[in-house]
Amino acid sequence: MLAALLAGAAAGLAVSGTGLVAAGRAKGGEPLLPRLLARAGAGMQAAPPRDLEARIAAAGRPAGLGPRELMAAKLGAAVAGAAAAVPVAAAAPARIAVAALLGGPVAGFLAPDLWLARRTRERASSMRRELPALLELLRVTVASGSSLAEALGRVGASSNGPLAAEWRTVSWQVGLGVPLDRALEALERSAPLPEVHALTAALDRARRHGAPIADTLSAQARDARFALARHAREEAARAGPKIQLVVALLLVPSVLLMVAAALLAALLGAGPQALPGTF
């Protein structure tokens, strides 16, 4: 039974890993595989979860997928996972075949969620790195006499990062008549970082109380640098146990095996008289 469960888990991980690795890029730089999966599952209907829209926005709306398109991609990936599990099940014993047939569709259905979560983490990390420099540029631009919305557009045009793109979107929305506070609320949904929330809250307070925005941006840039350094320290602290686990499970046993092999070779080379209990 344990072997069957392990085989099913292995099949599921193989399907998920294959889907993540095979998520190539289209000509526009967007992933191609999710679009294909969404087309494959377009004929199947499934209600998206309530938080799916927020998770897609936090990931930067990759491949231009909405909640319904992503649910179609999940269903298409489940069908692909089932198809990939069939050859494994055909060549395996009965229990392992059942586990593979069950694990393949489940892994395929969950693979788009793993891909979306990975895109969200990568996007958040990129935003966190570019935030301090963009805040300094925004402070200088606002101090030169530009309005906040205009300054967001100018600073956003100076970089190609995801946060700069969101700032360009805020400026564009304000130019079309959207109130600045609503545009900043949309920025928080598409960039759900504590640093961005603190920035929008500070800008709202500065606008309501008439405080100099340049001073507020200078303080936010300083806080963003501290937050970036703290996040780097936390990442380094989390890496320590992982490195120790690799050393304990891989490097130390490999060294012990090499020592044991050398000792065994020495004992065998010395002849029967070197073995304990021989005369």
Protein backbone atom coordinates (compact mmCIF):
# COMPACT_ATOMS: atom_id res chain seq x y z
CA MET A 1 0.00 0.00 0.00
CA LEU A 2 2.83 2.40 0.88
CA ALA A 3 4.52 1.67 -2.43
CA ALA A 4 1.30 2.46 -4.27
CA LEU A 5 0.93 5.78 -2.46
CA LEU A 6 4.54 6.71 -3.18
CA ALA A 7 4.09 5.78 -6.83
CA GLY A 8 0.98 7.91 -7.08
CA ALA A 9 2.74 10.84 -5.46
CA ALA A 10 5.70 10.39 -7.82
CA ALA A 11 3.40 10.37 -10.83
CA GLY A 12 1.65 13.49 -9.60
CA LEU A 13 4.90 15.32 -8.99
CA ALA A 14 6.16 14.26 -12.41
CA VAL A 15 3.07 15.68 -14.09
CA SER A 16 3.30 18.92 -12.10
CA GLY A 17 7.02 19.31 -12.75
CA THR A 18 6.60 18.61 -16.43
CA GLY A 19 3.92 21.26 -16.66
CA LEU A 20 6.03 23.84 -14.84
CA VAL A 21 9.14 23.12 -16.90
CA ALA A 22 7.21 23.06 -20.16
CA ALA A 23 5.63 26.48 -19.51
CA GLY A 24 7.48 28.11 -22.38
CA ARG A 25 7.23 31.70 -23.46
CA ALA A 26 5.26 33.06 -26.32
CA LYS A 27 6.56 35.79 -28.60
CA GLY A 28 5.20 38.50 -26.31
CA GLY A 29 7.07 37.10 -23.33
CA GLU A 30 3.98 35.50 -21.76
CA PRO A 31 3.72 31.79 -20.95
CA LEU A 32 2.37 29.75 -23.84
CA LEU A 33 1.33 26.54 -22.06
CA PRO A 34 -1.40 28.11 -19.83
CA ARG A 35 -3.07 29.58 -22.91
CA LEU A 36 -3.07 26.19 -24.63
CA LEU A 37 -4.49 24.52 -21.53
CA ALA A 38 -7.17 27.21 -21.24
CA ARG A 39 -8.21 26.51 -24.83
CA ALA A 40 -8.24 22.79 -24.16
CA GLY A 41 -10.52 23.19 -21.16
CA ALA A 42 -12.69 25.94 -22.62
CA GLY A 43 -15.61 23.57 -23.15
CA MET A 44 -15.73 22.56 -19.47
CA GLN A 45 -17.42 24.73 -16.88
CA ALA A 46 -16.27 25.24 -13.29
CA ALA A 47 -16.94 28.08 -10.84
CA PRO A 48 -13.71 29.88 -9.88
CA PRO A 49 -12.90 30.37 -6.17
CA ARG A 50 -13.58 33.79 -4.69
CA ASP A 51 -9.90 34.58 -4.09
CA LEU A 52 -8.76 33.56 -7.56
CA GLU A 53 -9.16 37.07 -9.00
CA ALA A 54 -6.95 38.52 -6.25
CA ARG A 55 -4.31 35.82 -6.76
CA ILE A 56 -4.26 36.45 -10.50
CA ALA A 57 -3.88 40.21 -9.94
CA ALA A 58 -1.02 39.60 -7.47
CA ALA A 59 0.72 37.46 -10.09
CA GLY A 60 0.48 40.24 -12.68
CA ARG A 61 -2.27 38.59 -14.75
CA PRO A 62 0.15 36.26 -16.55
CA ALA A 63 -0.81 35.24 -20.08
CA GLY A 64 -3.79 37.60 -19.81
CA LEU A 65 -5.83 34.92 -18.06
CA GLY A 66 -8.89 35.77 -16.00
CA PRO A 67 -10.52 33.56 -13.36
CA ARG A 68 -12.64 31.61 -15.84
CA GLU A 69 -9.71 31.13 -18.22
CA LEU A 70 -7.50 29.90 -15.39
CA MET A 71 -10.17 27.45 -14.25
CA ALA A 72 -10.36 26.19 -17.83
CA ALA A 73 -6.57 25.81 -17.78
CA LYS A 74 -6.82 23.81 -14.53
CA LEU A 75 -9.39 21.48 -16.07
CA GLY A 76 -7.32 21.13 -19.22
CA ALA A 77 -4.25 20.37 -17.11
CA ALA A 78 -6.23 17.71 -15.21
CA VAL A 79 -7.08 16.02 -18.50
CA ALA A 80 -3.44 16.24 -19.57
CA GLY A 81 -2.37 14.78 -16.23
CA ALA A 82 -4.74 11.88 -16.67
CA ALA A 83 -3.38 11.26 -20.15
CA ALA A 84 0.20 11.36 -18.88
CA ALA A 85 -0.63 8.90 -16.11
CA VAL A 86 -2.08 6.28 -18.47
CA PRO A 87 1.30 4.97 -19.76
CA VAL A 88 2.61 4.79 -16.18
CA ALA A 89 -0.46 2.87 -15.07
CA ALA A 90 -0.27 0.50 -18.02
CA ALA A 91 3.27 -0.59 -17.11
CA ALA A 92 2.73 -0.78 -13.33
CA PRO A 93 1.10 -3.28 -10.98
CA ALA A 94 -2.56 -2.88 -10.08
CA ARG A 95 -2.20 -0.83 -6.90
CA ILE A 96 0.43 1.44 -8.38
CA ALA A 97 -1.67 1.86 -11.53
CA VAL A 98 -4.66 3.00 -9.48
CA ALA A 99 -2.52 5.46 -7.53
CA ALA A 100 -1.02 6.84 -10.74
CA LEU A 101 -4.42 7.23 -12.38
CA LEU A 102 -5.67 9.12 -9.32
CA GLY A 103 -2.55 11.22 -8.80
CA GLY A 104 -2.14 12.35 -12.41
CA PRO A 105 -5.40 14.36 -12.75
CA VAL A 106 -5.08 15.81 -9.23
CA ALA A 107 -1.53 16.95 -9.90
CA GLY A 108 -2.54 18.40 -13.25
CA PHE A 109 -5.41 20.31 -11.65
CA LEU A 110 -3.12 21.78 -8.97
CA ALA A 111 -0.18 22.56 -11.29
CA PRO A 112 -1.61 25.96 -12.48
CA ASP A 113 -1.99 26.99 -8.83
CA LEU A 114 1.67 26.16 -8.19
CA TRP A 115 2.66 28.10 -11.30
CA LEU A 116 0.56 31.09 -10.20
CA ALA A 117 2.07 31.04 -6.70
CA ARG A 118 5.59 30.92 -8.13
CA ARG A 119 4.86 33.87 -10.42
CA THR A 120 3.49 35.81 -7.43
CA ARG A 121 6.63 35.18 -5.36
CA GLU A 122 8.96 36.14 -8.21
CA ARG A 123 6.96 39.28 -8.95
CA ALA A 124 6.85 40.33 -5.29
CA SER A 125 10.60 39.83 -4.95
CA SER A 126 11.25 41.95 -8.06
CA MET A 127 8.96 44.71 -6.80
CA ARG A 128 10.65 44.73 -3.40
CA ARG A 129 14.07 45.15 -5.03
CA GLU A 130 13.08 48.05 -7.29
CA LEU A 131 10.92 49.96 -4.80
CA PRO A 132 13.66 51.98 -2.99
CA ALA A 133 15.22 53.32 -6.20
CA LEU A 134 11.82 54.16 -7.69
CA LEU A 135 10.82 56.01 -4.53
CA GLU A 136 13.95 58.14 -4.67
CA LEU A 137 13.23 59.02 -8.31
CA LEU A 138 9.61 59.75 -7.43
CA ARG A 139 10.71 62.07 -4.62
CA VAL A 140 12.97 64.03 -6.96
CA THR A 141 10.27 64.23 -9.64
CA VAL A 142 7.62 65.45 -7.20
CA ALA A 143 10.04 67.98 -5.69
CA SER A 144 10.63 69.41 -9.18
CA GLY A 145 6.96 70.42 -9.40
CA SER A 146 5.18 67.47 -11.02
CA SER A 147 1.91 66.19 -9.66
CA LEU A 148 1.91 62.78 -8.03
CA ALA A 149 0.08 61.05 -10.88
CA GLU A 150 2.35 62.65 -13.49
CA ALA A 151 5.44 61.77 -11.47
CA LEU A 152 4.31 58.14 -11.18
CA GLY A 153 4.04 57.96 -14.96
CA ARG A 154 7.45 59.54 -15.56
CA VAL A 155 9.25 57.37 -13.03
CA GLY A 156 7.43 54.28 -14.27
CA ALA A 157 8.58 55.01 -17.81
CA SER A 158 12.21 54.95 -16.64
CA SER A 159 12.16 51.26 -15.71
CA ASN A 160 10.88 47.97 -17.09
CA GLY A 161 10.13 46.25 -13.76
CA PRO A 162 6.67 45.10 -12.65
CA LEU A 163 6.28 47.88 -10.06
CA ALA A 164 7.21 50.53 -12.62
CA ALA A 165 4.55 49.08 -14.93
CA GLU A 166 1.96 49.36 -12.16
CA TRP A 167 2.95 52.98 -11.58
CA ARG A 168 2.49 53.70 -15.28
CA THR A 169 -0.97 52.13 -15.04
CA VAL A 170 -1.87 54.42 -12.12
CA SER A 171 -0.81 57.48 -14.10
CA TRP A 172 -2.71 56.27 -17.14
CA GLN A 173 -5.88 55.67 -15.11
CA VAL A 174 -5.71 59.13 -13.54
CA GLY A 175 -5.26 60.62 -16.99
CA LEU A 176 -8.48 58.91 -18.07
CA GLY A 177 -10.40 60.45 -15.16
CA VAL A 178 -10.11 57.79 -12.46
CA PRO A 179 -9.67 59.37 -9.00
CA LEU A 180 -6.17 58.99 -7.62
CA ASP A 181 -7.32 57.22 -4.46
CA ARG A 182 -9.13 54.56 -6.50
CA ALA A 183 -6.10 54.11 -8.73
CA LEU A 184 -3.92 53.63 -5.66
CA GLU A 185 -6.38 51.06 -4.29
CA ALA A 186 -6.04 49.14 -7.54
CA LEU A 187 -2.25 49.38 -7.15
CA GLU A 188 -2.51 47.71 -3.74
CA ARG A 189 -4.50 44.83 -5.23
CA SER A 190 -2.02 44.25 -8.04
CA ALA A 191 1.02 44.72 -5.77
CA PRO A 192 -0.03 43.26 -2.38
CA LEU A 193 3.18 44.04 -0.53
CA PRO A 194 3.35 45.58 2.96
CA GLU A 195 5.72 48.21 1.59
CA VAL A 196 3.25 49.24 -1.13
CA HIS A 197 0.38 49.36 1.38
CA ALA A 198 2.48 51.60 3.64
CA LEU A 199 3.31 53.84 0.66
CA THR A 200 -0.30 54.31 -0.43
CA ALA A 201 -1.40 54.95 3.17
CA ALA A 202 1.34 57.53 3.66
CA LEU A 203 0.46 59.26 0.38
CA ASP A 204 -3.20 59.36 1.38
CA ARG A 205 -2.35 60.92 4.75
CA ALA A 206 -0.05 63.46 3.12
CA ARG A 207 -2.74 64.50 0.63
CA ARG A 208 -5.45 64.77 3.29
CA HIS A 209 -3.33 66.72 5.80
CA GLY A 210 -1.40 68.83 3.28
CA ALA A 211 2.01 67.47 4.29
CA PRO A 212 4.91 67.72 1.80
CA ILE A 213 4.79 64.60 -0.36
CA ALA A 214 8.54 64.76 -1.02
CA ASP A 215 9.28 64.30 2.70
CA THR A 216 6.82 61.41 2.86
CA LEU A 217 8.49 59.73 -0.13
CA SER A 218 11.93 60.19 1.43
CA ALA A 219 10.77 58.42 4.59
CA GLN A 220 9.12 55.66 2.56
CA ALA A 221 12.32 55.13 0.55
CA ARG A 222 14.28 54.75 3.78
CA ASP A 223 11.74 52.28 5.16
CA ALA A 224 11.78 50.33 1.89
CA ARG A 225 15.56 49.95 2.05
CA PHE A 226 15.29 48.68 5.63
CA ALA A 227 12.52 46.27 4.62
CA LEU A 228 14.61 44.99 1.70
CA ALA A 229 17.58 44.38 3.98
CA ARG A 230 15.38 42.64 6.55
CA HIS A 231 13.86 40.42 3.88
CA ALA A 232 17.34 39.48 2.65
CA ARG A 233 18.35 38.52 6.20
CA GLU A 234 15.22 36.43 6.60
CA GLU A 235 15.89 34.65 3.30
CA ALA A 236 19.46 33.94 4.41
CA ALA A 237 18.21 32.61 7.76
CA ARG A 238 15.78 30.28 6.00
CA ALA A 239 18.54 29.06 3.72
CA GLY A 240 20.68 27.89 6.65
CA PRO A 241 18.49 24.94 7.71
CA LYS A 242 18.09 23.89 4.08
CA ILE A 243 21.85 23.81 3.63
CA GLN A 244 22.24 21.83 6.85
CA LEU A 245 19.63 19.35 5.65
CA VAL A 246 21.52 18.84 2.39
CA VAL A 247 24.76 18.37 4.29
CA ALA A 248 23.22 15.93 6.76
CA LEU A 249 21.34 13.83 4.20
CA LEU A 250 23.69 13.91 1.22
CA LEU A 251 27.22 15.10 1.89
CA VAL A 252 27.87 13.34 5.21
CA PRO A 253 26.54 9.95 4.05
CA SER A 254 28.55 10.22 0.83
CA VAL A 255 31.76 10.87 2.79
CA LEU A 256 31.01 7.97 5.13
CA LEU A 257 30.41 5.69 2.17
CA MET A 258 33.74 6.71 0.66
CA VAL A 259 35.52 6.02 3.98
CA ALA A 260 33.74 2.67 4.31
CA ALA A 261 34.69 1.75 0.75
CA ALA A 262 38.34 2.62 1.41
CA LEU A 263 38.37 0.57 4.62
CA LEU A 264 36.74 -2.39 2.91
CA ALA A 265 39.22 -2.22 0.06
CA ALA A 266 42.12 -2.11 2.53
CA LEU A 267 40.78 -5.09 4.48
CA LEU A 268 40.20 -7.13 1.36
CA GLY A 269 43.61 -6.23 -0.02
CA ALA A 270 45.40 -7.27 3.18
CA GLY A 271 44.20 -10.87 2.81
CA PRO A 272 42.28 -13.21 5.13
CA GLN A 273 44.83 -12.85 7.92
CA ALA A 274 43.83 -9.19 8.43
CA LEU A 275 40.20 -10.01 9.04
CA PRO A 276 39.07 -10.30 12.68
CA GLY A 277 38.74 -13.86 14.00
CA THR A 278 41.02 -15.46 11.34
CA PHE A 279 44.19 -17.38 12.04
